[in-house]
Protein backbone atom coordinates (compact mmCIF):
# COMPACT_ATOMS: atom_id res chain seq x y z
CA MET A 1 -75.21 -80.96 17.99
CA GLU A 2 -74.55 -77.24 17.85
CA ILE A 3 -73.45 -75.38 14.70
CA ASN A 4 -70.05 -73.77 15.11
CA TRP A 5 -70.56 -70.46 13.28
CA VAL A 6 -66.97 -69.31 13.84
CA ILE A 7 -65.54 -72.24 11.88
CA ILE A 8 -68.14 -71.84 9.13
CA GLY A 9 -67.36 -68.11 8.91
CA ILE A 10 -63.62 -68.75 8.61
CA VAL A 11 -64.13 -71.36 5.89
CA VAL A 12 -66.45 -69.04 3.93
CA ALA A 13 -63.95 -66.17 4.24
CA VAL A 14 -61.09 -68.37 2.99
CA VAL A 15 -63.17 -69.56 0.03
CA ILE A 16 -64.05 -65.96 -0.92
CA VAL A 17 -60.38 -64.91 -0.72
CA LEU A 18 -59.37 -67.85 -2.94
CA ILE A 19 -62.02 -66.95 -5.49
CA VAL A 20 -60.89 -63.31 -5.59
CA LEU A 21 -57.21 -64.23 -5.95
CA THR A 22 -57.94 -66.76 -8.70
CA ASN A 23 -60.03 -64.18 -10.57
CA LYS A 24 -57.23 -61.57 -10.38
CA LYS A 25 -54.65 -64.09 -11.62
CA ASN A 26 -56.90 -65.09 -14.53
CA GLN A 27 -57.38 -61.44 -15.52
CA LYS A 28 -53.60 -60.91 -15.57
CA GLU A 29 -53.08 -64.02 -17.69
CA LYS A 30 -55.87 -62.94 -20.04
CA LYS A 31 -54.23 -59.53 -20.49
CA LYS A 32 -50.84 -61.13 -21.20
CA LEU A 33 -52.36 -63.49 -23.76
CA THR A 34 -54.29 -60.66 -25.43
CA ASP A 35 -51.14 -58.54 -25.69
CA LEU A 36 -49.17 -61.48 -27.05
CA LEU A 37 -51.74 -62.29 -29.70
CA ASN A 38 -52.16 -58.65 -30.72
CA ASN A 39 -48.41 -58.03 -31.03
CA ASP A 40 -47.58 -61.35 -32.68
CA PHE A 41 -49.56 -60.56 -35.84
CA LYS A 42 -47.40 -59.99 -38.90
CA LYS A 43 -48.74 -57.97 -41.78
CA PRO A 44 -48.82 -59.85 -45.07
CA GLU A 45 -46.74 -58.59 -47.96
CA GLU A 46 -48.59 -56.46 -50.49
CA ASP A 47 -49.28 -58.56 -53.57
CA GLU A 48 -50.97 -55.84 -55.57
CA PRO A 49 -49.27 -52.54 -56.39
CA ASP A 50 -50.88 -49.31 -55.30
CA PHE A 51 -52.40 -47.91 -58.51
CA GLU A 52 -52.93 -44.43 -57.10
CA ASP A 53 -49.17 -43.99 -56.60
CA ASN A 54 -48.48 -45.18 -60.15
CA VAL A 55 -50.91 -42.66 -61.62
CA SER A 56 -49.21 -39.71 -59.86
CA GLU A 57 -45.78 -40.75 -61.19
CA ARG A 58 -46.82 -40.33 -64.83
């Protein structure tokens, strides 16, 4: 039985292309998720007054 290197080469090339495409898609999804989580944050309301501003008003 002889090894068919052409078929093995094609299969290896297809696997490498699939890995690269999957990695690129994951990076895009990671960037979208990071942007969503960074922009979705709401600042809490200030519970304590700013004492420095109150001192300057007097």
